[in-house]
Amino acid sequence: MLVSVTLSLPTPLCTATKAHNKQNETTIAGTLMDAIVANHDRLPALVEKLKRQHHDDGLFVRIEARPEEERSSLTFRMLGRNLTVIDRLVVEVGAENRSQLCRAALEAHLQSQSVDSE
């Protein structure tokens, strides 16, 4: 069964993903799955770079504010069982959320694709 998925990503990444899909005649779901497969072993390190820092002052845990960046929604449909795999990976790699995991994978994948095409 297909389910609707919405990710909150930096606007330039959404634009680059859509351009990649158009150029390669693929879907967002296909590109995302390719990105996760290609970077599966690196996902924990890639996600770690995107995590916000936590500081414990002895009484409270404070989370570092995110740097300001324009964000857009990337909406697509994919098989529910594939989304379940992505959500399992979110927990396994310690991502803060689905969007963070997908951002890490997509950024690494699109960067490697642009290097390969040069």
PDB file of N, CA and C in Angstrom:
ATOM      1  N   MET A   1       0.838  -1.181   0.000  1.00  0.00           N
ATOM      2  CA  MET A   1       0.000   0.000   0.000  1.00  0.00           C
ATOM      3  C   MET A   1       0.886   1.249   0.000  1.00  0.00           C
ATOM      4  N   LEU A   2       0.552   2.201  -0.850  1.00  0.00           N
ATOM      5  CA  LEU A   2       1.294   3.452  -0.907  1.00  0.00           C
ATOM      6  C   LEU A   2       0.836   4.384   0.201  1.00  0.00           C
ATOM      7  N   VAL A   3       1.808   5.067   0.813  1.00  0.00           N
ATOM      8  CA  VAL A   3       1.511   6.054   1.848  1.00  0.00           C
ATOM      9  C   VAL A   3       2.153   7.375   1.451  1.00  0.00           C
ATOM     10  N   SER A   4       1.557   8.451   1.916  1.00  0.00           N
ATOM     11  CA  SER A   4       2.088   9.779   1.647  1.00  0.00           C
ATOM     12  C   SER A   4       3.139  10.125   2.700  1.00  0.00           C
ATOM     13  N   VAL A   5       4.251  10.691   2.249  1.00  0.00           N
ATOM     14  CA  VAL A   5       5.353  11.057   3.124  1.00  0.00           C
ATOM     15  C   VAL A   5       5.692  12.515   2.871  1.00  0.00           C
ATOM     16  N   THR A   6       5.924  13.264   3.925  1.00  0.00           N
ATOM     17  CA  THR A   6       6.366  14.648   3.797  1.00  0.00           C
ATOM     18  C   THR A   6       7.616  14.834   4.643  1.00  0.00           C
ATOM     19  N   LEU A   7       8.670  15.326   4.016  1.00  0.00           N
ATOM     20  CA  LEU A   7       9.916  15.620   4.713  1.00  0.00           C
ATOM     21  C   LEU A   7      10.112  17.129   4.745  1.00  0.00           C
ATOM     22  N   SER A   8      10.715  17.627   5.807  1.00  0.00           N
ATOM     23  CA  SER A   8      11.089  19.029   5.906  1.00  0.00           C
ATOM     24  C   SER A   8      12.602  19.096   5.700  1.00  0.00           C
ATOM     25  N   LEU A   9      12.998  19.690   4.575  1.00  0.00           N
ATOM     26  CA  LEU A   9      14.407  19.707   4.188  1.00  0.00           C
ATOM     27  C   LEU A   9      14.824  21.117   3.782  1.00  0.00           C
ATOM     28  N   PRO A  10      16.128  21.385   3.792  1.00  0.00           N
ATOM     29  CA  PRO A  10      16.583  22.680   3.270  1.00  0.00           C
ATOM     30  C   PRO A  10      16.109  22.846   1.824  1.00  0.00           C
ATOM     31  N   THR A  11      15.663  24.030   1.501  1.00  0.00           N
ATOM     32  CA  THR A  11      15.126  24.302   0.173  1.00  0.00           C
ATOM     33  C   THR A  11      16.099  23.925  -0.946  1.00  0.00           C
ATOM     34  N   PRO A  12      17.399  24.257  -0.831  1.00  0.00           N
ATOM     35  CA  PRO A  12      18.310  23.864  -1.917  1.00  0.00           C
ATOM     36  C   PRO A  12      18.377  22.342  -2.121  1.00  0.00           C
ATOM     37  N   LEU A  13      18.234  21.567  -1.051  1.00  0.00           N
ATOM     38  CA  LEU A  13      18.250  20.114  -1.175  1.00  0.00           C
ATOM     39  C   LEU A  13      16.991  19.624  -1.880  1.00  0.00           C
ATOM     40  N   CYS A  14      15.851  20.220  -1.580  1.00  0.00           N
ATOM     41  CA  CYS A  14      14.610  19.862  -2.286  1.00  0.00           C
ATOM     42  C   CYS A  14      14.747  20.145  -3.777  1.00  0.00           C
ATOM     43  N   THR A  15      15.286  21.300  -4.098  1.00  0.00           N
ATOM     44  CA  THR A  15      15.476  21.691  -5.494  1.00  0.00           C
ATOM     45  C   THR A  15      16.430  20.733  -6.202  1.00  0.00           C
ATOM     46  N   ALA A  16      17.537  20.399  -5.548  1.00  0.00           N
ATOM     47  CA  ALA A  16      18.522  19.491  -6.139  1.00  0.00           C
ATOM     48  C   ALA A  16      17.945  18.088  -6.326  1.00  0.00           C
ATOM     49  N   THR A  17      17.145  17.639  -5.373  1.00  0.00           N
ATOM     50  CA  THR A  17      16.529  16.317  -5.472  1.00  0.00           C
ATOM     51  C   THR A  17      15.571  16.259  -6.652  1.00  0.00           C
ATOM     52  N   LYS A  18      14.741  17.281  -6.787  1.00  0.00           N
ATOM     53  CA  LYS A  18      13.791  17.321  -7.911  1.00  0.00           C
ATOM     54  C   LYS A  18      14.527  17.387  -9.247  1.00  0.00           C
ATOM     55  N   ALA A  19      15.609  18.155  -9.327  1.00  0.00           N
ATOM     56  CA  ALA A  19      16.384  18.245 -10.567  1.00  0.00           C
ATOM     57  C   ALA A  19      17.022  16.895 -10.893  1.00  0.00           C
ATOM     58  N   HIS A  20      17.549  16.224  -9.874  1.00  0.00           N
ATOM     59  CA  HIS A  20      18.144  14.892 -10.058  1.00  0.00           C
ATOM     60  C   HIS A  20      17.096  13.918 -10.587  1.00  0.00           C
ATOM     61  N   ASN A  21      15.900  13.968 -10.007  1.00  0.00           N
ATOM     62  CA  ASN A  21      14.820  13.067 -10.430  1.00  0.00           C
ATOM     63  C   ASN A  21      14.440  13.313 -11.886  1.00  0.00           C
ATOM     64  N   LYS A  22      14.345  14.576 -12.250  1.00  0.00           N
ATOM     65  CA  LYS A  22      13.968  14.913 -13.629  1.00  0.00           C
ATOM     66  C   LYS A  22      15.042  14.448 -14.605  1.00  0.00           C
ATOM     67  N   GLN A  23      16.300  14.716 -14.265  1.00  0.00           N
ATOM     68  CA  GLN A  23      17.413  14.344 -15.129  1.00  0.00           C
ATOM     69  C   GLN A  23      17.515  12.828 -15.272  1.00  0.00           C
ATOM     70  N   ASN A  24      17.251  12.084 -14.204  1.00  0.00           N
ATOM     71  CA  ASN A  24      17.412  10.635 -14.213  1.00  0.00           C
ATOM     72  C   ASN A  24      16.103   9.881 -14.396  1.00  0.00           C
ATOM     73  N   GLU A  25      15.023  10.634 -14.619  1.00  0.00           N
ATOM     74  CA  GLU A  25      13.700  10.044 -14.825  1.00  0.00           C
ATOM     75  C   GLU A  25      13.364   9.021 -13.740  1.00  0.00           C
ATOM     76  N   THR A  26      13.468   9.463 -12.510  1.00  0.00           N
ATOM     77  CA  THR A  26      13.161   8.612 -11.364  1.00  0.00           C
ATOM     78  C   THR A  26      12.213   9.352 -10.432  1.00  0.00           C
ATOM     79  N   THR A  27      11.786   8.674  -9.388  1.00  0.00           N
ATOM     80  CA  THR A  27      10.873   9.271  -8.417  1.00  0.00           C
ATOM     81  C   THR A  27      11.636   9.730  -7.184  1.00  0.00           C
ATOM     82  N   ILE A  28      10.996  10.553  -6.387  1.00  0.00           N
ATOM     83  CA  ILE A  28      11.599  10.977  -5.131  1.00  0.00           C
ATOM     84  C   ILE A  28      11.842   9.757  -4.249  1.00  0.00           C
ATOM     85  N   ALA A  29      10.853   8.878  -4.155  1.00  0.00           N
ATOM     86  CA  ALA A  29      11.007   7.670  -3.339  1.00  0.00           C
ATOM     87  C   ALA A  29      12.183   6.832  -3.831  1.00  0.00           C
ATOM     88  N   GLY A  30      12.313   6.691  -5.145  1.00  0.00           N
ATOM     89  CA  GLY A  30      13.418   5.919  -5.708  1.00  0.00           C
ATOM     90  C   GLY A  30      14.768   6.533  -5.379  1.00  0.00           C
ATOM     91  N   THR A  31      14.866   7.842  -5.529  1.00  0.00           N
ATOM     92  CA  THR A  31      16.116   8.535  -5.209  1.00  0.00           C
ATOM     93  C   THR A  31      16.443   8.400  -3.735  1.00  0.00           C
ATOM     94  N   LEU A  32      15.438   8.549  -2.879  1.00  0.00           N
ATOM     95  CA  LEU A  32      15.663   8.435  -1.447  1.00  0.00           C
ATOM     96  C   LEU A  32      16.143   7.033  -1.075  1.00  0.00           C
ATOM     97  N   MET A  33      15.496   6.016  -1.617  1.00  0.00           N
ATOM     98  CA  MET A  33      15.923   4.646  -1.315  1.00  0.00           C
ATOM     99  C   MET A  33      17.330   4.386  -1.841  1.00  0.00           C
ATOM    100  N   ASP A  34      17.648   4.884  -3.038  1.00  0.00           N
ATOM    101  CA  ASP A  34      19.005   4.751  -3.573  1.00  0.00           C
ATOM    102  C   ASP A  34      20.017   5.426  -2.650  1.00  0.00           C
ATOM    103  N   ALA A  35      19.656   6.607  -2.147  1.00  0.00           N
ATOM    104  CA  ALA A  35      20.542   7.366  -1.257  1.00  0.00           C
ATOM    105  C   ALA A  35      20.800   6.607   0.033  1.00  0.00           C
ATOM    106  N   ILE A  36      19.760   6.019   0.593  1.00  0.00           N
ATOM    107  CA  ILE A  36      19.908   5.280   1.852  1.00  0.00           C
ATOM    108  C   ILE A  36      20.738   4.021   1.631  1.00  0.00           C
ATOM    109  N   VAL A  37      20.474   3.301   0.553  1.00  0.00           N
ATOM    110  CA  VAL A  37      21.243   2.084   0.265  1.00  0.00           C
ATOM    111  C   VAL A  37      22.713   2.427   0.037  1.00  0.00           C
ATOM    112  N   ALA A  38      22.975   3.464  -0.751  1.00  0.00           N
ATOM    113  CA  ALA A  38      24.353   3.833  -1.087  1.00  0.00           C
ATOM    114  C   ALA A  38      25.146   4.296   0.134  1.00  0.00           C
ATOM    115  N   ASN A  39      24.456   4.853   1.115  1.00  0.00           N
ATOM    116  CA  ASN A  39      25.143   5.422   2.282  1.00  0.00           C
ATOM    117  C   ASN A  39      24.816   4.698   3.580  1.00  0.00           C
ATOM    118  N   HIS A  40      24.253   3.512   3.479  1.00  0.00           N
ATOM    119  CA  HIS A  40      23.783   2.786   4.659  1.00  0.00           C
ATOM    120  C   HIS A  40      24.842   2.686   5.760  1.00  0.00           C
ATOM    121  N   ASP A  41      26.053   2.291   5.410  1.00  0.00           N
ATOM    122  CA  ASP A  41      27.105   2.127   6.413  1.00  0.00           C
ATOM    123  C   ASP A  41      27.570   3.456   7.001  1.00  0.00           C
ATOM    124  N   ARG A  42      27.396   4.533   6.249  1.00  0.00           N
ATOM    125  CA  ARG A  42      27.849   5.862   6.695  1.00  0.00           C
ATOM    126  C   ARG A  42      26.767   6.657   7.410  1.00  0.00           C
ATOM    127  N   LEU A  43      25.533   6.158   7.416  1.00  0.00           N
ATOM    128  CA  LEU A  43      24.418   6.934   7.967  1.00  0.00           C
ATOM    129  C   LEU A  43      24.655   7.415   9.401  1.00  0.00           C
ATOM    130  N   PRO A  44      25.153   6.578  10.332  1.00  0.00           N
ATOM    131  CA  PRO A  44      25.357   7.098  11.689  1.00  0.00           C
ATOM    132  C   PRO A  44      26.262   8.334  11.726  1.00  0.00           C
ATOM    133  N   ALA A  45      27.352   8.311  10.977  1.00  0.00           N
ATOM    134  CA  ALA A  45      28.273   9.459  10.962  1.00  0.00           C
ATOM    135  C   ALA A  45      27.652  10.662  10.260  1.00  0.00           C
ATOM    136  N   LEU A  46      26.935  10.415   9.170  1.00  0.00           N
ATOM    137  CA  LEU A  46      26.294  11.520   8.442  1.00  0.00           C
ATOM    138  C   LEU A  46      25.231  12.196   9.290  1.00  0.00           C
ATOM    139  N   VAL A  47      24.453  11.400  10.005  1.00  0.00           N
ATOM    140  CA  VAL A  47      23.406  11.943  10.874  1.00  0.00           C
ATOM    141  C   VAL A  47      24.029  12.702  12.043  1.00  0.00           C
ATOM    142  N   GLU A  48      25.100  12.175  12.580  1.00  0.00           N
ATOM    143  CA  GLU A  48      25.753  12.810  13.734  1.00  0.00           C
ATOM    144  C   GLU A  48      26.153  14.247  13.419  1.00  0.00           C
ATOM    145  N   LYS A  49      26.595  14.493  12.186  1.00  0.00           N
ATOM    146  CA  LYS A  49      27.001  15.847  11.784  1.00  0.00           C
ATOM    147  C   LYS A  49      25.822  16.815  11.768  1.00  0.00           C
ATOM    148  N   LEU A  50      24.602  16.294  11.622  1.00  0.00           N
ATOM    149  CA  LEU A  50      23.413  17.150  11.535  1.00  0.00           C
ATOM    150  C   LEU A  50      22.725  17.361  12.883  1.00  0.00           C
ATOM    151  N   LYS A  51      23.114  16.588  13.889  1.00  0.00           N
ATOM    152  CA  LYS A  51      22.433  16.667  15.181  1.00  0.00           C
ATOM    153  C   LYS A  51      22.746  17.975  15.904  1.00  0.00           C
ATOM    154  N   ARG A  52      21.764  18.426  16.630  1.00  0.00           N
ATOM    155  CA  ARG A  52      21.962  19.606  17.467  1.00  0.00           C
ATOM    156  C   ARG A  52      22.662  19.177  18.763  1.00  0.00           C
ATOM    157  N   GLN A  53      23.501  20.049  19.281  1.00  0.00           N
ATOM    158  CA  GLN A  53      24.229  19.758  20.508  1.00  0.00           C
ATOM    159  C   GLN A  53      23.321  19.943  21.721  1.00  0.00           C
ATOM    160  N   HIS A  54      23.507  19.079  22.718  1.00  0.00           N
ATOM    161  CA  HIS A  54      22.771  19.165  23.981  1.00  0.00           C
ATOM    162  C   HIS A  54      23.766  19.551  25.075  1.00  0.00           C
ATOM    163  N   HIS A  55      23.370  20.472  25.919  1.00  0.00           N
ATOM    164  CA  HIS A  55      24.217  20.914  27.014  1.00  0.00           C
ATOM    165  C   HIS A  55      23.441  20.750  28.317  1.00  0.00           C
ATOM    166  N   ASP A  56      24.062  20.095  29.271  1.00  0.00           N
ATOM    167  CA  ASP A  56      23.449  19.875  30.578  1.00  0.00           C
ATOM    168  C   ASP A  56      24.092  20.844  31.563  1.00  0.00           C
ATOM    169  N   ASP A  57      23.286  21.748  32.137  1.00  0.00           N
ATOM    170  CA  ASP A  57      23.833  22.709  33.085  1.00  0.00           C
ATOM    171  C   ASP A  57      23.689  22.231  34.529  1.00  0.00           C
ATOM    172  N   GLY A  58      23.363  20.965  34.685  1.00  0.00           N
ATOM    173  CA  GLY A  58      23.202  20.397  36.018  1.00  0.00           C
ATOM    174  C   GLY A  58      21.754  20.350  36.457  1.00  0.00           C
ATOM    175  N   LEU A  59      20.947  21.202  35.888  1.00  0.00           N
ATOM    176  CA  LEU A  59      19.533  21.231  36.220  1.00  0.00           C
ATOM    177  C   LEU A  59      18.669  20.997  34.983  1.00  0.00           C
ATOM    178  N   PHE A  60      19.067  21.613  33.877  1.00  0.00           N
ATOM    179  CA  PHE A  60      18.304  21.506  32.635  1.00  0.00           C
ATOM    180  C   PHE A  60      19.192  20.998  31.501  1.00  0.00           C
ATOM    181  N   VAL A  61      18.562  20.366  30.544  1.00  0.00           N
ATOM    182  CA  VAL A  61      19.241  20.009  29.307  1.00  0.00           C
ATOM    183  C   VAL A  61      18.787  21.022  28.276  1.00  0.00           C
ATOM    184  N   ARG A  62      19.748  21.674  27.686  1.00  0.00           N
ATOM    185  CA  ARG A  62      19.445  22.711  26.699  1.00  0.00           C
ATOM    186  C   ARG A  62      19.891  22.230  25.330  1.00  0.00           C
ATOM    187  N   ILE A  63      19.040  22.449  24.346  1.00  0.00           N
ATOM    188  CA  ILE A  63      19.322  22.029  22.985  1.00  0.00           C
ATOM    189  C   ILE A  63      19.710  23.251  22.180  1.00  0.00           C
ATOM    190  N   GLU A  64      20.844  23.139  21.504  1.00  0.00           N
ATOM    191  CA  GLU A  64      21.352  24.232  20.675  1.00  0.00           C
ATOM    192  C   GLU A  64      20.339  24.571  19.580  1.00  0.00           C
ATOM    193  N   ALA A  65      20.139  25.851  19.363  1.00  0.00           N
ATOM    194  CA  ALA A  65      19.223  26.292  18.299  1.00  0.00           C
ATOM    195  C   ALA A  65      19.785  25.899  16.940  1.00  0.00           C
ATOM    196  N   ARG A  66      18.892  25.616  16.030  1.00  0.00           N
ATOM    197  CA  ARG A  66      19.312  25.286  14.659  1.00  0.00           C
ATOM    198  C   ARG A  66      19.703  26.573  13.943  1.00  0.00           C
ATOM    199  N   PRO A  67      20.723  26.482  13.084  1.00  0.00           N
ATOM    200  CA  PRO A  67      21.047  27.655  12.281  1.00  0.00           C
ATOM    201  C   PRO A  67      19.872  27.971  11.356  1.00  0.00           C
ATOM    202  N   GLU A  68      19.674  29.236  11.095  1.00  0.00           N
ATOM    203  CA  GLU A  68      18.579  29.648  10.214  1.00  0.00           C
ATOM    204  C   GLU A  68      18.849  29.142   8.801  1.00  0.00           C
ATOM    205  N   GLU A  69      17.880  28.450   8.235  1.00  0.00           N
ATOM    206  CA  GLU A  69      17.964  28.025   6.845  1.00  0.00           C
ATOM    207  C   GLU A  69      16.555  27.898   6.308  1.00  0.00           C
ATOM    208  N   GLU A  70      16.413  28.278   5.066  1.00  0.00           N
ATOM    209  CA  GLU A  70      15.105  28.170   4.422  1.00  0.00           C
ATOM    210  C   GLU A  70      14.797  26.693   4.215  1.00  0.00           C
ATOM    211  N   ARG A  71      13.597  26.297   4.604  1.00  0.00           N
ATOM    212  CA  ARG A  71      13.197  24.903   4.489  1.00  0.00           C
ATOM    213  C   ARG A  71      11.952  24.795   3.621  1.00  0.00           C
ATOM    214  N   SER A  72      11.831  23.658   2.975  1.00  0.00           N
ATOM    215  CA  SER A  72      10.661  23.364   2.146  1.00  0.00           C
ATOM    216  C   SER A  72      10.205  21.944   2.433  1.00  0.00           C
ATOM    217  N   SER A  73       8.984  21.662   2.056  1.00  0.00           N
ATOM    218  CA  SER A  73       8.450  20.309   2.190  1.00  0.00           C
ATOM    219  C   SER A  73       8.694  19.542   0.902  1.00  0.00           C
ATOM    220  N   LEU A  74       9.092  18.302   1.062  1.00  0.00           N
ATOM    221  CA  LEU A  74       9.237  17.390  -0.065  1.00  0.00           C
ATOM    222  C   LEU A  74       8.226  16.269   0.186  1.00  0.00           C
ATOM    223  N   THR A  75       7.189  16.230  -0.626  1.00  0.00           N
ATOM    224  CA  THR A  75       6.102  15.271  -0.437  1.00  0.00           C
ATOM    225  C   THR A  75       6.095  14.270  -1.576  1.00  0.00           C
ATOM    226  N   PHE A  76       5.919  13.003  -1.220  1.00  0.00           N
ATOM    227  CA  PHE A  76       5.913  11.927  -2.205  1.00  0.00           C
ATOM    228  C   PHE A  76       5.174  10.730  -1.619  1.00  0.00           C
ATOM    229  N   ARG A  77       5.016   9.706  -2.428  1.00  0.00           N
ATOM    230  CA  ARG A  77       4.363   8.474  -1.983  1.00  0.00           C
ATOM    231  C   ARG A  77       5.339   7.319  -2.129  1.00  0.00           C
ATOM    232  N   MET A  78       5.257   6.389  -1.173  1.00  0.00           N
ATOM    233  CA  MET A  78       6.085   5.191  -1.240  1.00  0.00           C
ATOM    234  C   MET A  78       5.370   4.045  -0.552  1.00  0.00           C
ATOM    235  N   LEU A  79       5.850   2.844  -0.779  1.00  0.00           N
ATOM    236  CA  LEU A  79       5.259   1.685  -0.123  1.00  0.00           C
ATOM    237  C   LEU A  79       5.393   1.808   1.392  1.00  0.00           C
ATOM    238  N   GLY A  80       4.327   1.481   2.086  1.00  0.00           N
ATOM    239  CA  GLY A  80       4.328   1.560   3.538  1.00  0.00           C
ATOM    240  C   GLY A  80       5.433   0.750   4.174  1.00  0.00           C
ATOM    241  N   ARG A  81       5.709  -0.433   3.617  1.00  0.00           N
ATOM    242  CA  ARG A  81       6.763  -1.260   4.215  1.00  0.00           C
ATOM    243  C   ARG A  81       8.134  -0.618   4.038  1.00  0.00           C
ATOM    244  N   ASN A  82       8.332   0.154   2.961  1.00  0.00           N
ATOM    245  CA  ASN A  82       9.601   0.860   2.792  1.00  0.00           C
ATOM    246  C   ASN A  82       9.722   2.006   3.796  1.00  0.00           C
ATOM    247  N   LEU A  83       8.616   2.672   4.074  1.00  0.00           N
ATOM    248  CA  LEU A  83       8.630   3.726   5.083  1.00  0.00           C
ATOM    249  C   LEU A  83       8.921   3.139   6.465  1.00  0.00           C
ATOM    250  N   THR A  84       8.414   1.947   6.725  1.00  0.00           N
ATOM    251  CA  THR A  84       8.694   1.265   7.996  1.00  0.00           C
ATOM    252  C   THR A  84      10.193   1.003   8.143  1.00  0.00           C
ATOM    253  N   VAL A  85      10.848   0.627   7.061  1.00  0.00           N
ATOM    254  CA  VAL A  85      12.305   0.410   7.090  1.00  0.00           C
ATOM    255  C   VAL A  85      13.016   1.721   7.405  1.00  0.00           C
ATOM    256  N   ILE A  86      12.591   2.808   6.766  1.00  0.00           N
ATOM    257  CA  ILE A  86      13.210   4.112   7.028  1.00  0.00           C
ATOM    258  C   ILE A  86      13.029   4.500   8.491  1.00  0.00           C
ATOM    259  N   ASP A  87      11.835   4.310   9.022  1.00  0.00           N
ATOM    260  CA  ASP A  87      11.587   4.660  10.421  1.00  0.00           C
ATOM    261  C   ASP A  87      12.408   3.793  11.378  1.00  0.00           C
ATOM    262  N   ARG A  88      12.650   2.546  11.001  1.00  0.00           N
ATOM    263  CA  ARG A  88      13.509   1.681  11.819  1.00  0.00           C
ATOM    264  C   ARG A  88      14.941   2.206  11.787  1.00  0.00           C
ATOM    265  N   LEU A  89      15.385   2.657  10.624  1.00  0.00           N
ATOM    266  CA  LEU A  89      16.732   3.215  10.502  1.00  0.00           C
ATOM    267  C   LEU A  89      16.893   4.494  11.315  1.00  0.00           C
ATOM    268  N   VAL A  90      15.833   5.295  11.406  1.00  0.00           N
ATOM    269  CA  VAL A  90      15.880   6.513  12.230  1.00  0.00           C
ATOM    270  C   VAL A  90      16.296   6.143  13.650  1.00  0.00           C
ATOM    271  N   VAL A  91      15.687   5.106  14.187  1.00  0.00           N
ATOM    272  CA  VAL A  91      15.985   4.658  15.552  1.00  0.00           C
ATOM    273  C   VAL A  91      17.388   4.051  15.611  1.00  0.00           C
ATOM    274  N   GLU A  92      17.714   3.188  14.651  1.00  0.00           N
ATOM    275  CA  GLU A  92      19.010   2.505  14.659  1.00  0.00           C
ATOM    276  C   GLU A  92      20.194   3.461  14.602  1.00  0.00           C
ATOM    277  N   VAL A  93      20.099   4.503  13.786  1.00  0.00           N
ATOM    278  CA  VAL A  93      21.244   5.422  13.648  1.00  0.00           C
ATOM    279  C   VAL A  93      21.159   6.597  14.614  1.00  0.00           C
ATOM    280  N   GLY A  94      20.066   6.685  15.365  1.00  0.00           N
ATOM    281  CA  GLY A  94      19.944   7.744  16.362  1.00  0.00           C
ATOM    282  C   GLY A  94      19.600   9.099  15.790  1.00  0.00           C
ATOM    283  N   ALA A  95      18.916   9.124  14.651  1.00  0.00           N
ATOM    284  CA  ALA A  95      18.508  10.406  14.073  1.00  0.00           C
ATOM    285  C   ALA A  95      17.417  11.027  14.933  1.00  0.00           C
ATOM    286  N   GLU A  96      17.334  12.349  14.915  1.00  0.00           N
ATOM    287  CA  GLU A  96      16.297  13.045  15.676  1.00  0.00           C
ATOM    288  C   GLU A  96      14.918  12.806  15.080  1.00  0.00           C
ATOM    289  N   ASN A  97      14.862  12.593  13.760  1.00  0.00           N
ATOM    290  CA  ASN A  97      13.587  12.362  13.081  1.00  0.00           C
ATOM    291  C   ASN A  97      13.842  11.844  11.668  1.00  0.00           C
ATOM    292  N   ARG A  98      12.778  11.507  10.987  1.00  0.00           N
ATOM    293  CA  ARG A  98      12.850  10.963   9.628  1.00  0.00           C
ATOM    294  C   ARG A  98      13.504  11.957   8.661  1.00  0.00           C
ATOM    295  N   SER A  99      13.139  13.220   8.763  1.00  0.00           N
ATOM    296  CA  SER A  99      13.692  14.230   7.847  1.00  0.00           C
ATOM    297  C   SER A  99      15.207  14.327   7.985  1.00  0.00           C
ATOM    298  N   GLN A 100      15.707  14.232   9.206  1.00  0.00           N
ATOM    299  CA  GLN A 100      17.149  14.331   9.419  1.00  0.00           C
ATOM    300  C   GLN A 100      17.884  13.158   8.766  1.00  0.00           C
ATOM    301  N   LEU A 101      17.359  11.958   8.933  1.00  0.00           N
ATOM    302  CA  LEU A 101      17.963  10.781   8.311  1.00  0.00           C
ATOM    303  C   LEU A 101      17.962  10.923   6.789  1.00  0.00           C
ATOM    304  N   CYS A 102      16.823  11.310   6.240  1.00  0.00           N
ATOM    305  CA  CYS A 102      16.695  11.435   4.785  1.00  0.00           C
ATOM    306  C   CYS A 102      17.583  12.550   4.247  1.00  0.00           C
ATOM    307  N   ARG A 103      17.701  13.644   5.003  1.00  0.00           N
ATOM    308  CA  ARG A 103      18.589  14.736   4.586  1.00  0.00           C
ATOM    309  C   ARG A 103      20.022  14.238   4.512  1.00  0.00           C
ATOM    310  N   ALA A 104      20.473  13.527   5.521  1.00  0.00           N
ATOM    311  CA  ALA A 104      21.849  13.024   5.540  1.00  0.00           C
ATOM    312  C   ALA A 104      22.117  12.142   4.333  1.00  0.00           C
ATOM    313  N   ALA A 105      21.192  11.233   4.053  1.00  0.00           N
ATOM    314  CA  ALA A 105      21.367  10.307   2.932  1.00  0.00           C
ATOM    315  C   ALA A 105      21.323  11.032   1.588  1.00  0.00           C
ATOM    316  N   LEU A 106      20.338  11.913   1.420  1.00  0.00           N
ATOM    317  CA  LEU A 106      20.194  12.625   0.145  1.00  0.00           C
ATOM    318  C   LEU A 106      21.379  13.543  -0.140  1.00  0.00           C
ATOM    319  N   GLU A 107      21.832  14.284   0.869  1.00  0.00           N
ATOM    320  CA  GLU A 107      22.975  15.181   0.648  1.00  0.00           C
ATOM    321  C   GLU A 107      24.206  14.399   0.211  1.00  0.00           C
ATOM    322  N   ALA A 108      24.485  13.295   0.887  1.00  0.00           N
ATOM    323  CA  ALA A 108      25.656  12.491   0.537  1.00  0.00           C
ATOM    324  C   ALA A 108      25.502  11.880  -0.859  1.00  0.00           C
ATOM    325  N   HIS A 109      24.313  11.403  -1.156  1.00  0.00           N
ATOM    326  CA  HIS A 109      24.057  10.753  -2.444  1.00  0.00           C
ATOM    327  C   HIS A 109      24.165  11.743  -3.598  1.00  0.00           C
ATOM    328  N   LEU A 110      23.512  12.891  -3.467  1.00  0.00           N
ATOM    329  CA  LEU A 110      23.554  13.871  -4.553  1.00  0.00           C
ATOM    330  C   LEU A 110      24.955  14.430  -4.744  1.00  0.00           C
ATOM    331  N   GLN A 111      25.690  14.574  -3.652  1.00  0.00           N
ATOM    332  CA  GLN A 111      27.071  15.050  -3.759  1.00  0.00           C
ATOM    333  C   GLN A 111      27.918  14.020  -4.503  1.00  0.00           C
ATOM    334  N   SER A 112      27.744  12.740  -4.183  1.00  0.00           N
ATOM    335  CA  SER A 112      28.526  11.707  -4.874  1.00  0.00           C
ATOM    336  C   SER A 112      28.127  11.605  -6.336  1.00  0.00           C
ATOM    337  N   GLN A 113      26.851  11.823  -6.642  1.00  0.00           N
ATOM    338  CA  GLN A 113      26.387  11.787  -8.025  1.00  0.00           C
ATOM    339  C   GLN A 113      26.987  12.931  -8.832  1.00  0.00           C
ATOM    340  N   SER A 114      27.101  14.113  -8.228  1.00  0.00           N
ATOM    341  CA  SER A 114      27.667  15.252  -8.952  1.00  0.00           C
ATOM    342  C   SER A 114      29.159  15.064  -9.160  1.00  0.00           C
ATOM    343  N   VAL A 115      29.854  14.436  -8.214  1.00  0.00           N
ATOM    344  CA  VAL A 115      31.281  14.156  -8.364  1.00  0.00           C
ATOM    345  C   VAL A 115      31.488  13.113  -9.461  1.00  0.00           C
ATOM    346  N   ASP A 116      30.630  12.097  -9.491  1.00  0.00           N
ATOM    347  CA  ASP A 116      30.731  11.035 -10.497  1.00  0.00           C
ATOM    348  C   ASP A 116      30.498  11.559 -11.911  1.00  0.00           C
ATOM    349  N   SER A 117      29.651  12.579 -12.044  1.00  0.00           N
ATOM    350  CA  SER A 117      29.329  13.079 -13.386  1.00  0.00           C
ATOM    351  C   SER A 117      30.352  14.085 -13.905  1.00  0.00           C
ATOM    352  N   GLU A 118      31.290  14.475 -13.071  1.00  0.00           N
ATOM    353  CA  GLU A 118      32.312  15.461 -13.510  1.00  0.00           C
ATOM    354  C   GLU A 118      33.426  14.792 -14.266  1.00  0.00           C
TER     355      GLU A 118
END
